[in-house]
Amino acid sequence: MQKPLRRSLATLIALALGAAAPISAARAADYPTRPVTVVVPYAPGGQTDAFARIMAEALRESLGQPVIVDNKPGAGTMIGSEYVARAAPDGYTILVATPGVVVAPFFTDRSKDVINRGGLKVASVAVEEVLYRHPAIREAAVVAIPHPALGEDVAACVVAREGATLDVEDLSAFCARSLADYARPRRWLVIDELPKNPMGKVLKKELRQRLAATAP
């Protein structure tokens, strides 16, 4: 998928989530005709399913092309994120993890999207989804860092909401309630803003460099 097309879908998702930014007919027309799949890791009828169908309808109307809601009950966030990454690295498949939490693969750094921690695979988007549930976190990005024995380990870079303070021990305990031990971040970096390119994509390479520079 070319960059202008990625921007089109990103804008459409923002519109479906209730963002105020207008979308032009020309930008919608730039998105090529091909079904877009919205994956819901729950059975039909729940809150997440209802949210996904509202979003899908908004995308369908804006794109003028098919948008399919694919319910995959039992697929947790980790499994669902990995499914999305395998199914559509070009961004035509979207995962609705929870109402308001949408994962589109083209927003991630594909080369390091899956962290190999001693042979156990950790999808960074799954860890990020958990972090975004924390009431004090405004932004989060999860990256791989080198580990002398395991090969790679999990690191999280987080930005606090205005007026909030982030405590690493609290964040670790919060993650422990939702993530397996091997998937929990071992390194934390609290920063003012996540570095992004002009398209809004998080520059994870830069975050890995910052983590390396502050390694104990």
Protein backbone atom coordinates (compact mmCIF):
# COMPACT_ATOMS: atom_id res chain seq x y z
CA MET A 1 0.00 0.00 0.00
CA GLN A 2 1.40 3.39 -0.94
CA LYS A 3 1.73 6.14 1.66
CA PRO A 4 -1.21 8.29 0.37
CA LEU A 5 -3.47 5.24 0.64
CA ARG A 6 -2.34 4.57 4.19
CA ARG A 7 -3.16 8.17 5.08
CA SER A 8 -6.62 7.74 3.54
CA LEU A 9 -7.49 4.72 5.68
CA ALA A 10 -6.02 6.33 8.79
CA THR A 11 -8.23 9.37 8.25
CA LEU A 12 -11.29 7.19 7.62
CA ILE A 13 -10.69 5.26 10.84
CA ALA A 14 -10.40 8.54 12.72
CA LEU A 15 -13.71 9.63 11.18
CA ALA A 16 -15.36 6.37 12.19
CA LEU A 17 -14.14 6.84 15.77
CA GLY A 18 -15.84 10.22 15.91
CA ALA A 19 -12.88 12.46 15.16
CA ALA A 20 -13.71 15.96 13.99
CA ALA A 21 -11.29 16.01 11.04
CA PRO A 22 -13.21 16.19 7.74
CA ILE A 23 -12.41 13.80 4.91
CA SER A 24 -12.52 14.85 1.29
CA ALA A 25 -14.23 12.79 -1.41
CA ALA A 26 -10.99 12.86 -3.39
CA ARG A 27 -9.01 11.18 -0.61
CA ALA A 28 -11.69 8.51 -0.16
CA ALA A 29 -11.67 7.91 -3.91
CA ASP A 30 -7.91 7.41 -3.80
CA TYR A 31 -8.37 4.23 -1.76
CA PRO A 32 -8.55 1.36 -4.29
CA THR A 33 -11.56 -0.94 -4.50
CA ARG A 34 -10.89 -3.97 -2.33
CA PRO A 35 -12.77 -5.35 0.67
CA VAL A 36 -11.55 -4.11 4.03
CA THR A 37 -11.89 -6.60 6.89
CA VAL A 38 -12.65 -5.52 10.45
CA VAL A 39 -11.70 -8.36 12.82
CA VAL A 40 -13.60 -8.61 16.14
CA PRO A 41 -12.20 -11.16 18.64
CA TYR A 42 -15.65 -11.68 20.21
CA ALA A 43 -19.02 -13.19 19.26
CA PRO A 44 -21.62 -10.97 17.57
CA GLY A 45 -23.85 -8.88 19.78
CA GLY A 46 -21.44 -7.49 22.37
CA GLN A 47 -20.23 -3.94 22.92
CA THR A 48 -17.06 -4.40 20.88
CA ASP A 49 -19.01 -5.99 18.03
CA ALA A 50 -21.49 -3.11 18.01
CA PHE A 51 -18.66 -0.57 17.95
CA ALA A 52 -16.95 -2.44 15.09
CA ARG A 53 -20.14 -2.48 13.01
CA ILE A 54 -20.68 1.26 13.46
CA MET A 55 -17.07 1.85 12.40
CA ALA A 56 -17.44 -0.54 9.45
CA GLU A 57 -20.56 1.26 8.24
CA ALA A 58 -18.78 4.62 8.39
CA LEU A 59 -15.86 3.18 6.42
CA ARG A 60 -18.23 1.56 3.91
CA GLU A 61 -20.03 4.83 3.26
CA SER A 62 -16.80 6.82 2.98
CA LEU A 63 -14.99 4.32 0.75
CA GLY A 64 -17.95 3.22 -1.33
CA GLN A 65 -16.68 -0.37 -1.22
CA PRO A 66 -17.20 -3.54 0.85
CA VAL A 67 -16.19 -3.57 4.51
CA ILE A 68 -16.54 -6.99 6.17
CA VAL A 69 -16.92 -7.55 9.92
CA ASP A 70 -15.24 -10.86 10.76
CA ASN A 71 -16.06 -12.18 14.25
CA LYS A 72 -13.39 -14.52 15.62
CA PRO A 73 -14.55 -15.43 19.15
CA GLY A 74 -11.83 -16.55 21.50
CA ALA A 75 -9.00 -14.79 19.67
CA GLY A 76 -7.40 -12.71 22.41
CA THR A 77 -5.57 -9.49 21.69
CA MET A 78 -2.22 -11.24 21.19
CA ILE A 79 -3.65 -13.85 18.81
CA GLY A 80 -5.81 -11.30 17.03
CA SER A 81 -2.93 -8.89 16.50
CA GLU A 82 -0.75 -11.64 15.07
CA TYR A 83 -3.63 -12.72 12.81
CA VAL A 84 -3.98 -9.18 11.51
CA ALA A 85 -0.25 -8.91 10.89
CA ARG A 86 -0.23 -12.15 8.88
CA ALA A 87 -3.48 -11.46 7.05
CA ALA A 88 -2.86 -7.97 5.78
CA PRO A 89 0.51 -6.30 6.25
CA ASP A 90 -0.69 -3.72 3.70
CA GLY A 91 -3.34 -2.42 6.10
CA TYR A 92 -6.54 -3.77 4.57
CA THR A 93 -7.35 -5.68 7.77
CA ILE A 94 -8.19 -3.88 11.01
CA LEU A 95 -8.48 -5.36 14.51
CA VAL A 96 -11.00 -3.88 16.94
CA ALA A 97 -9.56 -5.10 20.25
CA THR A 98 -12.00 -3.18 22.46
CA PRO A 99 -14.39 -0.27 21.81
CA GLY A 100 -12.18 2.66 20.80
CA VAL A 101 -9.01 0.56 20.48
CA VAL A 102 -8.28 -0.10 16.81
CA VAL A 103 -5.14 -1.81 15.53
CA ALA A 104 -4.15 -1.28 11.90
CA PRO A 105 -0.89 -3.04 11.00
CA PHE A 106 0.55 -0.27 8.88
CA PHE A 107 0.94 1.96 11.95
CA THR A 108 3.58 -0.40 13.34
CA ASP A 109 7.25 -0.94 12.62
CA ARG A 110 6.94 -4.27 10.77
CA SER A 111 10.57 -5.33 11.24
CA LYS A 112 10.22 -5.33 15.04
CA ASP A 113 6.45 -5.71 15.49
CA VAL A 114 6.94 -9.19 16.97
CA ILE A 115 9.50 -9.46 19.77
CA ASN A 116 11.26 -12.81 20.17
CA ARG A 117 11.92 -13.17 23.89
CA GLY A 118 13.85 -16.39 24.32
CA GLY A 119 11.76 -18.12 21.67
CA LEU A 120 8.44 -16.75 22.97
CA LYS A 121 6.79 -14.33 20.55
CA VAL A 122 5.35 -11.07 21.84
CA ALA A 123 3.23 -8.89 19.54
CA SER A 124 4.10 -5.29 20.42
CA VAL A 125 0.62 -4.07 19.46
CA ALA A 126 -0.92 -6.43 22.04
CA VAL A 127 1.20 -4.96 24.83
CA GLU A 128 0.46 -1.43 23.59
CA GLU A 129 -3.27 -2.16 23.69
CA VAL A 130 -2.99 -3.07 27.38
CA LEU A 131 -0.95 0.05 28.14
CA TYR A 132 -3.54 2.29 26.49
CA ARG A 133 -6.09 1.07 29.04
CA HIS A 134 -4.10 2.70 31.84
CA PRO A 135 -5.86 5.95 32.79
CA ALA A 136 -2.60 7.91 33.15
CA ILE A 137 -1.11 6.94 29.75
CA ARG A 138 -1.68 9.18 26.75
CA GLU A 139 0.64 7.40 24.31
CA ALA A 140 2.56 4.13 24.35
CA ALA A 141 4.96 2.27 22.08
CA VAL A 142 6.54 -1.13 22.70
CA VAL A 143 9.83 -2.15 21.11
CA ALA A 144 12.44 -4.90 21.29
CA ILE A 145 15.71 -4.31 23.09
CA PRO A 146 18.75 -6.60 23.15
CA HIS A 147 19.04 -9.17 25.96
CA PRO A 148 22.29 -11.08 26.59
CA ALA A 149 20.57 -14.43 27.25
CA LEU A 150 17.13 -14.21 25.64
CA GLY A 151 18.10 -12.38 22.47
CA GLU A 152 15.39 -9.74 22.84
CA ASP A 153 13.36 -8.29 25.67
CA VAL A 154 10.28 -6.09 25.89
CA ALA A 155 10.58 -2.34 26.49
CA ALA A 156 7.77 0.20 26.75
CA CYS A 157 7.97 3.92 26.02
CA VAL A 158 5.08 5.86 27.56
CA VAL A 159 3.76 9.40 27.64
CA ALA A 160 1.65 10.62 30.57
CA ARG A 161 -1.67 12.37 30.20
CA GLU A 162 -1.70 16.04 31.17
CA GLY A 163 -1.49 16.38 34.92
CA ALA A 164 -0.77 12.68 35.46
CA THR A 165 2.37 11.01 36.81
CA LEU A 166 3.61 7.61 35.67
CA ASP A 167 5.11 5.24 38.20
CA VAL A 168 7.04 2.30 36.75
CA GLU A 169 6.11 -0.09 39.56
CA ASP A 170 2.44 0.77 39.12
CA LEU A 171 2.69 0.25 35.36
CA SER A 172 4.37 -3.13 35.85
CA ALA A 173 1.65 -4.25 38.24
CA PHE A 174 -1.02 -3.03 35.83
CA CYS A 175 0.47 -5.07 32.98
CA ALA A 176 0.74 -8.14 35.22
CA ARG A 177 -3.06 -8.25 35.45
CA SER A 178 -3.49 -8.66 31.68
CA LEU A 179 -0.26 -10.03 30.21
CA ALA A 180 1.70 -13.24 30.55
CA ASP A 181 4.97 -12.87 32.43
CA TYR A 182 7.09 -13.18 29.27
CA ALA A 183 5.09 -10.42 27.53
CA ARG A 184 5.41 -7.79 30.24
CA PRO A 185 7.81 -4.88 29.66
CA ARG A 186 11.11 -5.17 31.53
CA ARG A 187 12.39 -1.70 30.59
CA TRP A 188 10.43 1.53 30.78
CA LEU A 189 11.08 4.92 29.25
CA VAL A 190 8.84 7.81 30.30
CA ILE A 191 9.09 10.65 27.79
CA ASP A 192 7.22 13.84 26.90
CA GLU A 193 6.25 12.80 23.35
CA LEU A 194 6.67 9.80 21.08
CA PRO A 195 8.82 10.64 18.05
CA LYS A 196 6.77 10.53 14.87
CA ASN A 197 7.24 11.14 11.17
CA PRO A 198 5.06 13.65 9.26
CA MET A 199 2.44 10.92 8.69
CA GLY A 200 2.09 10.35 12.41
CA LYS A 201 3.85 6.97 12.45
CA VAL A 202 5.82 6.31 15.63
CA LEU A 203 9.56 6.14 14.95
CA LYS A 204 10.38 2.98 16.86
CA LYS A 205 13.96 2.93 15.62
CA GLU A 206 14.54 6.21 17.40
CA LEU A 207 12.96 4.82 20.56
CA ARG A 208 15.29 1.81 20.45
CA GLN A 209 18.23 4.20 20.12
CA ARG A 210 17.07 6.20 23.15
CA LEU A 211 16.69 3.01 25.17
CA ALA A 212 20.17 1.88 24.14
CA ALA A 213 21.63 5.22 25.20
CA THR A 214 20.05 4.91 28.67
CA ALA A 215 20.74 1.19 29.18
CA PRO A 216 21.90 0.35 32.72
